[in-house]
Amino acid sequence: MKVNPNHYVRREFDRYANEYHEKRLDPKKSPFNYYIENPVMERILKPIVKGRKSLELGCGTGIFLKKVQSWGGEVDGVDISEKQIEIARRENPDAKFYVCDVDYLKTSFGKYDIVYSSLMLHYLDDLDKLFFNVARALKDFGRFVFSFHHPFSEIMDEVKVKNKVYNVPKNYFTTRRYRWGMIGMQLHSYHHTFEQITQSMKKHGFLIEEILEPQAPEDKISREITIPPFCVISSVFFRD
């Protein structure tokens, strides 16, 4: 029987829900989130969420969702991890949360003005399912804003030669699953090329507004970053 790799992700985030929540609350433990990815997502979303209905995919323990609420947005949260949703409900009692694999996301047709997602896309094998489900959830001319592991950073291996570390690229065009970890979690993600991502978006009615490759502030990150760790895409949905 083929096992859905998302089950491993769910298991790991359930097991480490409290540790992950504490990590994400601490800028020193999550500098890449705080100083690279979050500021770009905030710049895009903060001006547009007030008075609008939003959905956060992969909401985790609801930390970013709380910010969207503070900006005047009405937002629902979806995550694969039941334990993380328990924390999110406790921390955000006024929001609605659902435990769900986004591959099988079901929402009311055209319910949301905005769907957004922070660092979730790389956990998914089937991009068509994601963009189909997001398109189904959005109103006409709704926005989809999402961040993910930068495709180029996913193919780099660190090789140490004479106490110096070099980035050595693997085959960019090979779509594959890769493993990585944090705070004890062993996670599975998928490498997708920019062409695969953008062609799937086009297929399901999304027009790209911006593709952003945020850089690390020199005074906030302790080591030199020469390859963008994340990418952020802002898009508009047009229903045929």
Foldseek 3Di string as FASTA:
>chain_A
DDDDQVVLVQVLCQVCLVVVVVQVVDCVSVVCVVFWVVVVVCVVLLVPAAPWEEEEEQCFLPPVVVVSVVSRHQYEYEHQHPNRVVNNCVVCVPHHYDNDDLLPDDDQFQAGQEYEYEADQQQDDDLLSNLQSVNRPHHAFGKYKYKHFALFVVQWDWDADPNDTDTDGDDSPDWDWDWDDDPPRIHIGIRDDPVVNVVSNVVNAKDWDDKDQTDGDPVRDPDDDPHRGMIMIMITGHDD
